Protein backbone atom coordinates (compact mmCIF):
# COMPACT_ATOMS: atom_id res chain seq x y z
CA MET A 1 -0.36 8.64 108.91
CA ILE A 2 -2.21 6.75 111.69
CA GLY A 3 -2.75 3.61 109.45
CA ALA A 4 1.09 4.02 108.38
CA SER A 5 2.07 3.96 112.16
CA ASN A 6 0.47 0.39 112.93
CA PHE A 7 3.21 -1.45 110.85
CA PHE A 8 6.47 -0.28 112.61
CA GLU A 9 7.00 -4.06 113.52
CA LEU A 10 7.24 -4.23 109.96
CA ALA A 11 9.75 -1.56 109.16
CA VAL A 12 11.83 -2.69 111.81
CA ALA A 13 12.20 -6.18 110.56
CA VAL A 14 12.60 -4.99 106.76
CA ALA A 15 15.29 -2.66 107.80
CA ILE A 16 17.29 -5.71 109.79
CA ALA A 17 16.67 -7.99 107.40
CA LEU A 18 17.65 -5.52 104.45
CA PHE A 19 20.87 -3.82 106.13
CA GLY A 20 21.83 -6.03 108.62
CA THR A 21 21.57 -5.49 112.80
CA SER A 22 24.94 -3.99 113.38
CA SER A 23 23.43 -1.20 110.67
CA PRO A 24 22.60 2.49 111.90
CA VAL A 25 19.00 2.29 109.63
CA ALA A 26 17.78 -0.67 111.87
CA LEU A 27 19.41 1.29 115.27
CA VAL A 28 17.55 4.81 113.72
CA THR A 29 14.01 2.58 112.87
CA ILE A 30 13.62 1.05 116.64
CA VAL A 31 15.07 4.76 118.51
CA GLY A 32 12.16 6.32 116.07
CA VAL A 33 9.52 4.48 116.74
CA LEU A 34 10.49 4.48 120.80
CA VAL A 35 11.01 8.34 120.50
CA GLU A 36 7.75 8.86 118.34
CA VAL A 37 5.27 7.66 121.33
CA PRO A 38 6.59 10.37 124.26
CA ILE A 39 6.96 13.69 121.90
CA MET A 40 3.15 13.13 120.85
CA LEU A 41 2.32 12.96 123.96
CA ALA A 42 3.90 16.27 124.48
CA LEU A 43 2.85 18.04 122.01
CA VAL A 44 -0.40 17.14 123.16
CA SER A 45 -0.40 18.00 126.88
CA PHE A 46 1.50 21.36 125.44
CA ALA A 47 -1.51 21.73 122.68
CA ASN A 48 -4.11 21.37 126.29
CA ARG A 49 -2.58 23.26 128.42
CA THR A 50 -2.28 26.03 126.33
CA LYS A 51 -5.53 25.99 124.15
CA GLY A 52 -6.44 29.55 126.26
CA TRP A 53 -3.94 31.21 123.82
CA PHE A 54 -5.36 30.29 120.72
């Protein structure tokens, strides 16, 4: 999964090339990349705060 996430620029370029700039697919591809990192950081922070429960 980490190796695949290194190619998000390529994924954005392919989505724009295939579906066009005004397509919702291209927008979701870009927003998905921008949302992924903060959510993962929040989950790691939560896991670190609650590690005593596990």
